[in-house]
C-alpha atoms as a PDB file:
ATOM      1  CA  UNK A   1       0.145  -0.233   0.045  1.00  0.00           C
ATOM      2  CA  UNK A   2       2.694   2.146   0.857  1.00  0.00           C
ATOM      3  CA  UNK A   3       4.318   1.463  -2.134  1.00  0.00           C
ATOM      4  CA  UNK A   4       1.594   2.781  -4.434  1.00  0.00           C
ATOM      5  CA  UNK A   5       0.832   5.593  -2.557  1.00  0.00           C
ATOM      6  CA  UNK A   6       4.361   6.696  -3.595  1.00  0.00           C
ATOM      7  CA  UNK A   7       3.887   5.836  -7.036  1.00  0.00           C
ATOM      8  CA  UNK A   8       0.490   7.573  -7.236  1.00  0.00           C
ATOM      9  CA  UNK A   9       2.582  11.025  -5.908  1.00  0.00           C
ATOM     10  CA  UNK A  10       4.617  10.578  -8.068  1.00  0.00           C
ATOM     11  CA  UNK A  11       2.337  10.969 -11.042  1.00  0.00           C
ATOM     12  CA  UNK A  12       0.971  14.087  -9.475  1.00  0.00           C
ATOM     13  CA  UNK A  13       3.259  15.347  -9.239  1.00  0.00           C
ATOM     14  CA  UNK A  14       4.486  15.092 -13.230  1.00  0.00           C
ATOM     15  CA  UNK A  15       1.512  15.967 -14.016  1.00  0.00           C
ATOM     16  CA  UNK A  16       1.804  19.128 -11.916  1.00  0.00           C
ATOM     17  CA  UNK A  17       5.015  20.137 -12.884  1.00  0.00           C
ATOM     18  CA  UNK A  18       5.259  19.096 -16.444  1.00  0.00           C
ATOM     19  CA  UNK A  19       2.418  19.606 -17.700  1.00  0.00           C
ATOM     20  CA  UNK A  20       0.924  16.449 -17.866  1.00  0.00           C
ATOM     21  CA  UNK A  21       3.370  15.063 -19.394  1.00  0.00           C
ATOM     22  CA  UNK A  22       2.887  11.595 -17.312  1.00  0.00           C
ATOM     23  CA  UNK A  23       4.448   7.785 -18.301  1.00  0.00           C
ATOM     24  CA  UNK A  24       2.161   5.777 -17.178  1.00  0.00           C
ATOM     25  CA  UNK A  25      -1.036   4.874 -18.433  1.00  0.00           C
ATOM     26  CA  UNK A  26      -3.332   6.221 -15.352  1.00  0.00           C
ATOM     27  CA  UNK A  27      -5.954   7.673 -15.333  1.00  0.00           C
ATOM     28  CA  UNK A  28      -6.945  11.580 -14.510  1.00  0.00           C
ATOM     29  CA  UNK A  29     -10.180  10.613 -12.770  1.00  0.00           C
ATOM     30  CA  UNK A  30      -8.320   9.162 -10.246  1.00  0.00           C
ATOM     31  CA  UNK A  31      -5.554  11.812 -10.433  1.00  0.00           C
ATOM     32  CA  UNK A  32      -8.600  13.853  -9.938  1.00  0.00           C
ATOM     33  CA  UNK A  33     -10.070  12.210  -7.088  1.00  0.00           C
ATOM     34  CA  UNK A  34      -6.761  12.509  -5.372  1.00  0.00           C
ATOM     35  CA  UNK A  35      -6.220  15.954  -5.609  1.00  0.00           C
ATOM     36  CA  UNK A  36     -10.274  16.726  -4.338  1.00  0.00           C
ATOM     37  CA  UNK A  37      -9.304  15.136  -1.028  1.00  0.00           C
ATOM     38  CA  UNK A  38      -6.237  16.706  -0.433  1.00  0.00           C
ATOM     39  CA  UNK A  39      -7.901  19.998  -1.034  1.00  0.00           C
ATOM     40  CA  UNK A  40     -10.922  19.353   0.967  1.00  0.00           C
ATOM     41  CA  UNK A  41      -8.818  17.192   4.106  1.00  0.00           C
ATOM     42  CA  UNK A  42     -10.074  13.817   3.805  1.00  0.00           C
ATOM     43  CA  UNK A  43      -8.571  10.284   2.952  1.00  0.00           C
ATOM     44  CA  UNK A  44      -5.393  12.712   3.930  1.00  0.00           C
ATOM     45  CA  UNK A  45      -4.422   9.539   6.957  1.00  0.00           C
ATOM     46  CA  UNK A  46      -4.026   7.765   3.149  1.00  0.00           C
ATOM     47  CA  UNK A  47      -2.063   9.785   0.891  1.00  0.00           C
ATOM     48  CA  UNK A  48      -0.161  12.023   3.681  1.00  0.00           C
ATOM     49  CA  UNK A  49       1.639  13.839   0.320  1.00  0.00           C
ATOM     50  CA  UNK A  50      -0.949  14.800  -1.404  1.00  0.00           C
ATOM     51  CA  UNK A  51      -2.457  16.739   1.001  1.00  0.00           C
ATOM     52  CA  UNK A  52       0.201  18.428   0.937  1.00  0.00           C
ATOM     53  CA  UNK A  53      -0.083  20.250  -2.659  1.00  0.00           C
ATOM     54  CA  UNK A  54      -0.346  23.638  -2.655  1.00  0.00           C
ATOM     55  CA  UNK A  55      -3.366  25.451  -4.116  1.00  0.00           C
ATOM     56  CA  UNK A  56      -0.877  27.196  -6.252  1.00  0.00           C
ATOM     57  CA  UNK A  57       0.510  23.820  -7.213  1.00  0.00           C
ATOM     58  CA  UNK A  58      -3.201  22.939  -7.716  1.00  0.00           C
ATOM     59  CA  UNK A  59      -4.578  25.426 -10.043  1.00  0.00           C
ATOM     60  CA  UNK A  60      -1.279  25.182 -12.468  1.00  0.00           C
ATOM     61  CA  UNK A  61      -1.574  21.616 -12.966  1.00  0.00           C
ATOM     62  CA  UNK A  62      -5.835  21.949 -13.717  1.00  0.00           C
ATOM     63  CA  UNK A  63      -4.946  25.308 -15.691  1.00  0.00           C
ATOM     64  CA  UNK A  64      -2.319  23.450 -17.865  1.00  0.00           C
ATOM     65  CA  UNK A  65      -4.700  20.712 -18.534  1.00  0.00           C
ATOM     66  CA  UNK A  66      -7.206  23.180 -19.603  1.00  0.00           C
ATOM     67  CA  UNK A  67      -5.166  24.778 -22.188  1.00  0.00           C
ATOM     68  CA  UNK A  68      -4.109  22.270 -24.209  1.00  0.00           C
ATOM     69  CA  UNK A  69      -7.386  20.763 -24.428  1.00  0.00           C
ATOM     70  CA  UNK A  70      -8.833  24.016 -25.132  1.00  0.00           C
ATOM     71  CA  UNK A  71      -6.866  24.746 -27.311  1.00  0.00           C
ATOM     72  CA  UNK A  72      -6.515  20.805 -28.974  1.00  0.00           C
ATOM     73  CA  UNK A  73     -10.746  21.875 -29.720  1.00  0.00           C
ATOM     74  CA  UNK A  74      -9.833  25.351 -31.039  1.00  0.00           C
ATOM     75  CA  UNK A  75      -7.434  23.995 -33.605  1.00  0.00           C
ATOM     76  CA  UNK A  76      -9.707  21.329 -34.768  1.00  0.00           C
ATOM     77  CA  UNK A  77     -12.670  23.323 -34.784  1.00  0.00           C
ATOM     78  CA  UNK A  78     -11.227  26.005 -37.190  1.00  0.00           C
ATOM     79  CA  UNK A  79      -9.758  24.476 -40.017  1.00  0.00           C
ATOM     80  CA  UNK A  80     -11.082  23.553 -43.076  1.00  0.00           C
ATOM     81  CA  UNK A  81     -13.707  20.848 -42.665  1.00  0.00           C
ATOM     82  CA  UNK A  82     -13.531  21.272 -38.674  1.00  0.00           C
ATOM     83  CA  UNK A  83     -17.467  22.117 -39.299  1.00  0.00           C
ATOM     84  CA  UNK A  84     -17.799  20.982 -42.736  1.00  0.00           C
ATOM     85  CA  UNK A  85     -16.928  17.132 -42.001  1.00  0.00           C
ATOM     86  CA  UNK A  86     -17.709  16.492 -38.418  1.00  0.00           C
ATOM     87  CA  UNK A  87     -20.589  15.056 -38.109  1.00  0.00           C
ATOM     88  CA  UNK A  88     -21.170  15.863 -34.658  1.00  0.00           C
ATOM     89  CA  UNK A  89     -20.576  19.563 -35.020  1.00  0.00           C
ATOM     90  CA  UNK A  90     -21.894  20.113 -38.847  1.00  0.00           C
ATOM     91  CA  UNK A  91     -24.528  22.926 -39.404  1.00  0.00           C
ATOM     92  CA  UNK A  92     -27.437  22.387 -41.094  1.00  0.00           C
ATOM     93  CA  UNK A  93     -29.954  24.197 -42.390  1.00  0.00           C
ATOM     94  CA  UNK A  94     -31.850  25.957 -39.851  1.00  0.00           C
ATOM     95  CA  UNK A  95     -35.386  23.649 -39.284  1.00  0.00           C
ATOM     96  CA  UNK A  96     -37.446  26.528 -40.602  1.00  0.00           C
ATOM     97  CA  UNK A  97     -35.792  26.142 -43.861  1.00  0.00           C
ATOM     98  CA  UNK A  98     -35.922  22.941 -44.858  1.00  0.00           C
ATOM     99  CA  UNK A  99     -38.188  23.621 -47.548  1.00  0.00           C
ATOM    100  CA  UNK A 100     -35.453  26.174 -49.477  1.00  0.00           C
ATOM    101  CA  UNK A 101     -33.312  23.051 -49.036  1.00  0.00           C
ATOM    102  CA  UNK A 102     -35.804  20.721 -50.942  1.00  0.00           C
ATOM    103  CA  UNK A 103     -36.780  22.803 -53.047  1.00  0.00           C
ATOM    104  CA  UNK A 104     -33.651  23.679 -55.131  1.00  0.00           C
ATOM    105  CA  UNK A 105     -32.472  19.706 -54.657  1.00  0.00           C
ATOM    106  CA  UNK A 106     -35.623  19.265 -56.454  1.00  0.00           C
ATOM    107  CA  UNK A 107     -35.487  21.226 -58.982  1.00  0.00           C
ATOM    108  CA  UNK A 108     -32.086  19.532 -59.396  1.00  0.00           C
ATOM    109  CA  UNK A 109     -30.466  22.456 -57.715  1.00  0.00           C
ATOM    110  CA  UNK A 110     -27.647  20.107 -55.162  1.00  0.00           C
ATOM    111  CA  UNK A 111     -25.047  22.158 -55.559  1.00  0.00           C
ATOM    112  CA  UNK A 112     -26.958  25.720 -55.179  1.00  0.00           C
ATOM    113  CA  UNK A 113     -28.399  23.902 -51.609  1.00  0.00           C
ATOM    114  CA  UNK A 114     -24.698  22.324 -50.854  1.00  0.00           C
ATOM    115  CA  UNK A 115     -22.991  25.807 -51.181  1.00  0.00           C
ATOM    116  CA  UNK A 116     -25.409  27.012 -49.014  1.00  0.00           C
ATOM    117  CA  UNK A 117     -25.108  24.608 -45.879  1.00  0.00           C
ATOM    118  CA  UNK A 118     -21.231  24.519 -46.578  1.00  0.00           C
ATOM    119  CA  UNK A 119     -21.145  28.789 -46.181  1.00  0.00           C
ATOM    120  CA  UNK A 120     -22.689  28.296 -43.174  1.00  0.00           C
ATOM    121  CA  UNK A 121     -20.230  25.966 -41.596  1.00  0.00           C
ATOM    122  CA  UNK A 122     -17.043  27.648 -43.340  1.00  0.00           C
ATOM    123  CA  UNK A 123     -18.180  30.543 -41.973  1.00  0.00           C
ATOM    124  CA  UNK A 124     -17.904  29.022 -38.181  1.00  0.00           C
ATOM    125  CA  UNK A 125     -14.491  27.142 -39.347  1.00  0.00           C
ATOM    126  CA  UNK A 126     -13.311  30.700 -39.447  1.00  0.00           C
ATOM    127  CA  UNK A 127     -15.019  32.752 -36.421  1.00  0.00           C
ATOM    128  CA  UNK A 128     -14.102  29.519 -34.252  1.00  0.00           C
ATOM    129  CA  UNK A 129     -10.528  30.349 -33.561  1.00  0.00           C
ATOM    130  CA  UNK A 130     -11.743  33.504 -31.605  1.00  0.00           C
ATOM    131  CA  UNK A 131     -12.141  31.155 -28.374  1.00  0.00           C
ATOM    132  CA  UNK A 132      -8.593  30.914 -28.161  1.00  0.00           C
ATOM    133  CA  UNK A 133      -7.536  34.062 -26.093  1.00  0.00           C
ATOM    134  CA  UNK A 134     -11.093  33.860 -24.869  1.00  0.00           C
ATOM    135  CA  UNK A 135     -10.741  30.774 -23.382  1.00  0.00           C
ATOM    136  CA  UNK A 136      -6.735  31.679 -22.362  1.00  0.00           C
ATOM    137  CA  UNK A 137      -8.524  34.748 -20.764  1.00  0.00           C
ATOM    138  CA  UNK A 138     -10.963  32.957 -18.354  1.00  0.00           C
ATOM    139  CA  UNK A 139      -7.957  30.093 -17.925  1.00  0.00           C
ATOM    140  CA  UNK A 140      -5.739  32.441 -16.165  1.00  0.00           C
ATOM    141  CA  UNK A 141      -9.375  34.233 -14.453  1.00  0.00           C
ATOM    142  CA  UNK A 142      -9.872  30.125 -12.931  1.00  0.00           C
ATOM    143  CA  UNK A 143      -8.984  30.930  -8.778  1.00  0.00           C
ATOM    144  CA  UNK A 144      -8.826  28.094  -6.098  1.00  0.00           C
ATOM    145  CA  UNK A 145     -12.458  28.453  -5.860  1.00  0.00           C
ATOM    146  CA  UNK A 146     -13.319  27.361  -9.775  1.00  0.00           C
ATOM    147  CA  UNK A 147     -10.516  24.504  -9.249  1.00  0.00           C
ATOM    148  CA  UNK A 148     -12.017  22.791  -6.876  1.00  0.00           C
ATOM    149  CA  UNK A 149     -15.128  23.339  -8.308  1.00  0.00           C
ATOM    150  CA  UNK A 150     -14.200  21.431 -11.559  1.00  0.00           C
ATOM    151  CA  UNK A 151     -12.544  19.205  -9.230  1.00  0.00           C
ATOM    152  CA  UNK A 152     -15.439  17.911  -7.547  1.00  0.00           C
ATOM    153  CA  UNK A 153     -17.783  18.167 -10.246  1.00  0.00           C
ATOM    154  CA  UNK A 154     -18.985  16.420 -12.644  1.00  0.00           C
ATOM    155  CA  UNK A 155     -17.525  15.244 -16.380  1.00  0.00           C
ATOM    156  CA  UNK A 156     -18.436  18.323 -18.031  1.00  0.00           C
ATOM    157  CA  UNK A 157     -17.566  20.679 -14.590  1.00  0.00           C
ATOM    158  CA  UNK A 158     -15.031  22.294 -16.787  1.00  0.00           C
ATOM    159  CA  UNK A 159     -17.334  23.297 -19.723  1.00  0.00           C
ATOM    160  CA  UNK A 160     -19.588  24.674 -17.730  1.00  0.00           C
ATOM    161  CA  UNK A 161     -16.889  27.247 -16.199  1.00  0.00           C
ATOM    162  CA  UNK A 162     -16.437  27.626 -20.245  1.00  0.00           C
ATOM    163  CA  UNK A 163     -19.975  28.578 -20.752  1.00  0.00           C
ATOM    164  CA  UNK A 164     -20.583  30.150 -18.053  1.00  0.00           C
ATOM    165  CA  UNK A 165     -17.093  33.026 -18.116  1.00  0.00           C
ATOM    166  CA  UNK A 166     -17.062  32.744 -22.210  1.00  0.00           C
ATOM    167  CA  UNK A 167     -20.182  32.043 -24.175  1.00  0.00           C
ATOM    168  CA  UNK A 168     -21.108  35.551 -23.837  1.00  0.00           C
ATOM    169  CA  UNK A 169     -17.316  37.407 -25.343  1.00  0.00           C
ATOM    170  CA  UNK A 170     -17.668  34.229 -28.010  1.00  0.00           C
ATOM    171  CA  UNK A 171     -20.732  35.333 -29.601  1.00  0.00           C
ATOM    172  CA  UNK A 172     -19.162  39.072 -29.892  1.00  0.00           C
ATOM    173  CA  UNK A 173     -16.007  37.603 -30.422  1.00  0.00           C
ATOM    174  CA  UNK A 174     -17.707  35.562 -33.268  1.00  0.00           C
ATOM    175  CA  UNK A 175     -20.634  36.808 -35.182  1.00  0.00           C
ATOM    176  CA  UNK A 176     -18.698  39.927 -37.254  1.00  0.00           C
ATOM    177  CA  UNK A 177     -16.500  37.198 -38.702  1.00  0.00           C
ATOM    178  CA  UNK A 178     -19.211  34.817 -39.272  1.00  0.00           C
ATOM    179  CA  UNK A 179     -21.453  37.774 -40.950  1.00  0.00           C
ATOM    180  CA  UNK A 180     -18.462  38.367 -43.193  1.00  0.00           C
ATOM    181  CA  UNK A 181     -18.140  35.763 -44.488  1.00  0.00           C
ATOM    182  CA  UNK A 182     -22.083  34.779 -45.010  1.00  0.00           C
ATOM    183  CA  UNK A 183     -22.128  38.158 -46.801  1.00  0.00           C
ATOM    184  CA  UNK A 184     -19.639  36.929 -49.139  1.00  0.00           C
ATOM    185  CA  UNK A 185     -20.684  32.891 -50.435  1.00  0.00           C
ATOM    186  CA  UNK A 186     -22.686  33.211 -53.164  1.00  0.00           C
ATOM    187  CA  UNK A 187     -26.329  31.952 -52.490  1.00  0.00           C
ATOM    188  CA  UNK A 188     -26.393  32.236 -49.044  1.00  0.00           C
ATOM    189  CA  UNK A 189     -25.376  36.603 -49.313  1.00  0.00           C
ATOM    190  CA  UNK A 190     -28.673  36.458 -51.652  1.00  0.00           C
ATOM    191  CA  UNK A 191     -30.626  34.948 -48.909  1.00  0.00           C
ATOM    192  CA  UNK A 192     -29.998  37.015 -46.746  1.00  0.00           C
ATOM    193  CA  UNK A 193     -31.173  40.006 -49.354  1.00  0.00           C
ATOM    194  CA  UNK A 194     -33.796  38.923 -50.151  1.00  0.00           C
ATOM    195  CA  UNK A 195     -34.513  38.445 -46.027  1.00  0.00           C
ATOM    196  CA  UNK A 196     -33.631  41.933 -45.985  1.00  0.00           C
ATOM    197  CA  UNK A 197     -35.892  43.359 -48.598  1.00  0.00           C
ATOM    198  CA  UNK A 198     -39.047  41.566 -47.242  1.00  0.00           C
ATOM    199  CA  UNK A 199     -40.049  43.692 -44.652  1.00  0.00           C
ATOM    200  CA  UNK A 200     -42.808  42.331 -42.558  1.00  0.00           C
ATOM    201  CA  UNK A 201     -43.219  38.803 -44.433  1.00  0.00           C
ATOM    202  CA  UNK A 202     -40.539  38.388 -41.830  1.00  0.00           C
ATOM    203  CA  UNK A 203     -42.471  38.141 -39.079  1.00  0.00           C
ATOM    204  CA  UNK A 204     -44.296  34.979 -40.437  1.00  0.00           C
ATOM    205  CA  UNK A 205     -40.421  33.498 -40.178  1.00  0.00           C
ATOM    206  CA  UNK A 206     -38.620  32.088 -36.837  1.00  0.00           C
ATOM    207  CA  UNK A 207     -35.763  34.474 -36.503  1.00  0.00           C
ATOM    208  CA  UNK A 208     -33.436  31.439 -37.039  1.00  0.00           C
ATOM    209  CA  UNK A 209     -34.470  32.320 -40.538  1.00  0.00           C
ATOM    210  CA  UNK A 210     -34.265  36.039 -40.494  1.00  0.00           C
ATOM    211  CA  UNK A 211     -31.522  36.106 -38.101  1.00  0.00           C
ATOM    212  CA  UNK A 212     -28.749  33.270 -40.025  1.00  0.00           C
ATOM    213  CA  UNK A 213     -25.779  34.453 -38.832  1.00  0.00           C
ATOM    214  CA  UNK A 214     -26.912  34.509 -34.826  1.00  0.00           C
ATOM    215  CA  UNK A 215     -27.737  31.089 -35.715  1.00  0.00           C
ATOM    216  CA  UNK A 216     -24.809  30.687 -37.176  1.00  0.00           C
ATOM    217  CA  UNK A 217     -23.231  31.801 -34.285  1.00  0.00           C
ATOM    218  CA  UNK A 218     -24.652  30.428 -31.965  1.00  0.00           C
ATOM    219  CA  UNK A 219     -24.637  26.494 -33.661  1.00  0.00           C
ATOM    220  CA  UNK A 220     -21.135  27.374 -33.841  1.00  0.00           C
ATOM    221  CA  UNK A 221     -20.726  27.745 -30.121  1.00  0.00           C
ATOM    222  CA  UNK A 222     -22.680  24.669 -29.758  1.00  0.00           C
ATOM    223  CA  UNK A 223     -20.199  22.584 -31.888  1.00  0.00           C
ATOM    224  CA  UNK A 224     -17.226  24.408 -29.771  1.00  0.00           C
ATOM    225  CA  UNK A 225     -18.836  23.720 -26.179  1.00  0.00           C
ATOM    226  CA  UNK A 226     -19.359  20.087 -27.462  1.00  0.00           C
ATOM    227  CA  UNK A 227     -15.602  19.366 -28.284  1.00  0.00           C
ATOM    228  CA  UNK A 228     -14.697  20.904 -25.412  1.00  0.00           C
ATOM    229  CA  UNK A 229     -16.560  18.673 -23.282  1.00  0.00           C
ATOM    230  CA  UNK A 230     -14.711  16.403 -24.939  1.00  0.00           C
ATOM    231  CA  UNK A 231     -11.096  17.019 -25.318  1.00  0.00           C
ATOM    232  CA  UNK A 232     -12.504  17.266 -21.025  1.00  0.00           C
ATOM    233  CA  UNK A 233     -13.640  13.560 -20.964  1.00  0.00           C
ATOM    234  CA  UNK A 234     -10.806  12.150 -22.902  1.00  0.00           C
ATOM    235  CA  UNK A 235      -8.395  14.750 -20.601  1.00  0.00           C
ATOM    236  CA  UNK A 236      -9.719  12.908 -17.637  1.00  0.00           C
ATOM    237  CA  UNK A 237      -9.562   9.207 -18.479  1.00  0.00           C
ATOM    238  CA  UNK A 238      -6.628   9.074 -19.970  1.00  0.00           C
ATOM    239  CA  UNK A 239      -4.085  11.893 -19.624  1.00  0.00           C
ATOM    240  CA  UNK A 240      -1.266   9.988 -21.714  1.00  0.00           C
ATOM    241  CA  UNK A 241      -3.636  10.704 -25.227  1.00  0.00           C
ATOM    242  CA  UNK A 242      -3.421  14.753 -23.848  1.00  0.00           C
ATOM    243  CA  UNK A 243       0.328  15.079 -22.887  1.00  0.00           C
ATOM    244  CA  UNK A 244       2.420  17.856 -23.865  1.00  0.00           C
END
């Protein structure tokens, strides 16, 4: 038992001081559990070494993991095909515009329908890189209390933290980029011009149909947080896969 405790303590120190560059196949969930115990004071008799970890060390280790995880999510989505080629986050036309796609395809205008969908997804891909700096700022602003809540919280606790602290700023930064991208994208730009000249008729349509940029921006955020949640799950389950 003493030898096992020493091994777990070494793993914790490696994760904290070397940016999670672990060399053994161990789950982060056990590491996080032990860290949580050391912070709250429980199980101190079993893990006296871990209880000596300082708040600063704990926060530093968590920040390193989240920095890497969010960067991975942003890099993978913010590239050509990051949204369009990923079925998990691919942005479809709003449900209220399904008739547009069906009409185009019934008229054998599949290329236009495909262009419409692709333009929205490419707009998302262009907007996502804006998240890197905002995520980084939220990570740096993380307090000891925030870290404790993440360590002792559910598997998506870090993702929820980002939703609370970054979503508004992300939407503000991303929407202008989405707008510029869709305004230069053929059939999508034509649709937006048609909506702007429809006047009172737009009151019969849903907000997703009339505010295409708002719809794409929200779907971009949904996809981004989904990928961040997946990265958080990977970090918790297998730190080796996310080591530096």
